[in-house]
């Protein structure tokens, strides 16, 4: 009995089996919507990038060929930045050009006014020179006849003054000629 009883007891003991992983049915709705969403998102990105490229080509004729698969956004941003910079540089250069033309016009007007003033000064100096010559001739002639040393000193002083005046007049003429 003992032997038969032993076998039956061994048979009755069962080892527990490993836990089973529950089998669940995949929900295909989520994957279908996510793939549709990913596809539509990619198409939208492509359309936006194509639209931006067309706008850039219209705005910038010097647009270089770009690699559409890699670095697309970076290259487009650089192109926009360079075209903005180019517009800024062109705007500043035209401003500088207008300022230079304005300064040239002002210089021309100032030169004309300066020439008119010099012409008037020349006329004035000519009249003064003629008057000085007449006065000098009269004053020199007033000293004649020289009767004493005082008259001789006056005559010498007037000659020295005339020489100084002539030198000053020559300097003024040289200055006005420039």
Protein backbone atom coordinates (compact mmCIF):
# COMPACT_ATOMS: atom_id res chain seq x y z
CA UNK A 1 0.00 0.00 0.00
CA UNK A 2 2.64 2.17 0.69
CA UNK A 3 4.05 2.00 -2.74
CA UNK A 4 0.79 2.64 -4.46
CA UNK A 5 -0.12 5.36 -2.10
CA UNK A 6 3.17 7.08 -2.81
CA UNK A 7 2.59 7.22 -6.48
CA UNK A 8 -0.86 8.60 -6.21
CA UNK A 9 0.26 11.31 -3.85
CA UNK A 10 3.01 12.30 -6.25
CA UNK A 11 0.57 12.42 -9.04
CA UNK A 12 -1.74 14.63 -7.17
CA UNK A 13 0.90 17.28 -6.59
CA UNK A 14 1.08 19.55 -9.52
CA UNK A 15 3.54 22.30 -9.97
CA UNK A 16 2.05 25.62 -10.79
CA UNK A 17 2.44 26.69 -14.38
CA UNK A 18 4.00 29.93 -15.46
CA UNK A 19 1.67 32.89 -15.69
CA UNK A 20 0.36 33.48 -19.15
CA UNK A 21 0.62 36.82 -20.83
CA UNK A 22 -2.84 37.99 -21.57
CA UNK A 23 -3.49 38.18 -25.26
CA UNK A 24 -5.18 41.43 -26.19
CA UNK A 25 -6.36 42.41 -29.57
CA UNK A 26 -4.56 45.42 -31.01
CA UNK A 27 -6.63 48.45 -31.61
CA UNK A 28 -5.93 49.29 -35.25
CA UNK A 29 -7.83 52.55 -35.12
CA UNK A 30 -4.98 54.25 -33.22
CA UNK A 31 -2.30 53.11 -35.64
CA UNK A 32 -4.39 54.04 -38.66
CA UNK A 33 -5.05 57.54 -37.35
CA UNK A 34 -1.44 58.03 -36.30
CA UNK A 35 -0.14 56.94 -39.72
CA UNK A 36 -2.73 59.12 -41.43
CA UNK A 37 -1.79 61.99 -39.13
CA UNK A 38 1.94 61.46 -39.80
CA UNK A 39 1.36 61.31 -43.56
CA UNK A 40 -0.79 64.44 -43.57
CA UNK A 41 1.71 66.23 -41.35
CA UNK A 42 4.55 65.32 -43.71
CA UNK A 43 2.53 66.42 -46.74
CA UNK A 44 1.71 69.71 -45.05
CA UNK A 45 5.38 70.29 -44.24
CA UNK A 46 6.32 69.55 -47.84
CA UNK A 47 3.68 71.94 -49.18
CA UNK A 48 4.78 74.69 -46.79
CA UNK A 49 8.44 74.23 -47.69
CA UNK A 50 7.63 74.26 -51.43
CA UNK A 51 5.54 77.39 -50.96
CA UNK A 52 8.33 79.10 -49.02
CA UNK A 53 10.87 78.12 -51.68
CA UNK A 54 8.68 79.60 -54.41
CA UNK A 55 8.30 82.83 -52.46
CA UNK A 56 12.03 83.00 -51.89
CA UNK A 57 12.74 82.39 -55.56
CA UNK A 58 10.40 85.24 -56.44
CA UNK A 59 11.97 87.54 -53.87
CA UNK A 60 15.57 86.52 -54.41
CA UNK A 61 16.80 85.77 -57.91
CA UNK A 62 20.22 84.78 -56.59
CA UNK A 63 18.82 81.86 -54.59
CA UNK A 64 21.18 78.90 -54.64
CA UNK A 65 20.09 75.34 -55.19
CA UNK A 66 19.34 73.74 -51.85
CA UNK A 67 19.29 70.18 -50.68
CA UNK A 68 15.64 69.53 -49.99
CA UNK A 69 16.08 66.46 -47.84
CA UNK A 70 18.66 67.72 -45.37
CA UNK A 71 18.99 71.06 -43.63
CA UNK A 72 15.95 72.44 -45.44
CA UNK A 73 14.71 74.67 -42.65
CA UNK A 74 18.19 75.92 -41.82
CA UNK A 75 18.96 76.85 -45.43
CA UNK A 76 15.63 78.62 -45.89
CA UNK A 77 16.19 80.62 -42.71
CA UNK A 78 19.70 81.55 -43.91
CA UNK A 79 18.34 82.63 -47.30
CA UNK A 80 15.71 84.79 -45.64
CA UNK A 81 18.32 86.30 -43.35
CA UNK A 82 20.71 86.98 -46.22
CA UNK A 83 17.97 88.55 -48.34
CA UNK A 84 16.94 90.73 -45.37
CA UNK A 85 20.57 91.70 -44.92
CA UNK A 86 20.93 92.44 -48.63
CA UNK A 87 17.85 94.66 -48.53
CA UNK A 88 19.25 96.44 -45.47
CA UNK A 89 22.62 97.00 -47.18
CA UNK A 90 20.96 98.27 -50.37
CA UNK A 91 18.76 100.63 -48.36
CA UNK A 92 21.75 102.01 -46.44
CA UNK A 93 23.81 102.43 -49.63
CA UNK A 94 21.02 104.37 -51.34
CA UNK A 95 20.71 106.58 -48.24
CA UNK A 96 24.44 107.23 -48.37
CA UNK A 97 24.19 107.99 -52.10
CA UNK A 98 21.42 110.53 -51.50
CA UNK A 99 23.42 112.16 -48.70
CA UNK A 100 26.49 112.40 -50.95
CA UNK A 101 24.45 113.98 -53.77
CA UNK A 102 22.97 116.45 -51.29
CA UNK A 103 26.43 117.36 -50.02
CA UNK A 104 27.73 117.76 -53.58
CA UNK A 105 24.85 120.12 -54.36
CA UNK A 106 25.52 122.13 -51.20
CA UNK A 107 29.21 122.29 -52.08
CA UNK A 108 28.38 123.55 -55.57
CA UNK A 109 26.10 126.27 -54.14
CA UNK A 110 28.73 127.31 -51.60
CA UNK A 111 31.39 127.49 -54.33
CA UNK A 112 29.10 129.71 -56.42
CA UNK A 113 28.45 132.01 -53.46
CA UNK A 114 32.15 132.11 -52.65
CA UNK A 115 32.99 133.01 -56.26
CA UNK A 116 30.43 135.83 -56.18
CA UNK A 117 31.89 137.16 -52.93
CA UNK A 118 35.43 137.01 -54.35
CA UNK A 119 34.30 138.85 -57.47
CA UNK A 120 32.73 141.59 -55.33
CA UNK A 121 35.87 141.80 -53.18
CA UNK A 122 38.05 142.11 -56.29
CA UNK A 123 35.91 145.00 -57.51
CA UNK A 124 36.09 146.59 -54.10
CA UNK A 125 39.87 146.19 -53.91
CA UNK A 126 40.28 147.58 -57.42
CA UNK A 127 38.32 150.68 -56.46
CA UNK A 128 40.28 151.00 -53.22
CA UNK A 129 43.55 150.49 -55.08
CA UNK A 130 42.69 153.21 -57.58
CA UNK A 131 41.69 155.53 -54.76
CA UNK A 132 44.85 154.70 -52.80
CA UNK A 133 47.02 155.41 -55.85
CA UNK A 134 45.34 158.75 -56.36
CA UNK A 135 45.61 159.60 -52.67
CA UNK A 136 49.23 158.39 -52.53
CA UNK A 137 50.15 160.46 -55.57
CA UNK A 138 48.48 163.49 -54.09
CA UNK A 139 50.06 162.96 -50.66
CA UNK A 140 53.49 162.40 -52.20
CA UNK A 141 53.12 165.50 -54.29
CA UNK A 142 52.07 167.45 -51.22
CA UNK A 143 55.52 166.85 -49.73
CA UNK A 144 57.23 168.66 -52.59
CA UNK A 145 59.08 170.96 -52.50
CA UNK A 146 61.04 169.57 -49.59
CA UNK A 147 62.37 172.50 -47.69
CA UNK A 148 63.57 170.98 -44.43
CA UNK A 149 64.35 167.68 -42.68
CA UNK A 150 60.83 167.31 -41.31
CA UNK A 151 59.38 167.27 -44.81
CA UNK A 152 61.98 164.71 -45.83
CA UNK A 153 61.06 162.46 -42.85
CA UNK A 154 57.34 162.74 -43.72
CA UNK A 155 58.10 161.80 -47.31
CA UNK A 156 60.21 158.79 -46.18
CA UNK A 157 57.46 157.66 -43.79
CA UNK A 158 54.81 157.85 -46.51
CA UNK A 159 57.00 155.77 -48.85
CA UNK A 160 57.45 153.09 -46.15
CA UNK A 161 53.69 153.07 -45.46
CA UNK A 162 53.01 152.69 -49.18
CA UNK A 163 55.43 149.74 -49.37
CA UNK A 164 53.71 148.03 -46.43
CA UNK A 165 50.30 148.65 -47.99
CA UNK A 166 51.49 147.21 -51.31
CA UNK A 167 52.75 144.05 -49.61
CA UNK A 168 49.42 143.64 -47.79
CA UNK A 169 47.56 144.22 -51.03
CA UNK A 170 49.66 141.57 -52.81
CA UNK A 171 48.93 139.08 -50.02
CA UNK A 172 45.19 139.82 -50.24
CA UNK A 173 45.24 139.36 -54.00
CA UNK A 174 47.01 136.02 -53.64
CA UNK A 175 44.46 134.90 -51.06
CA UNK A 176 41.51 135.97 -53.17
CA UNK A 177 42.90 134.28 -56.30
CA UNK A 178 42.73 130.85 -54.64
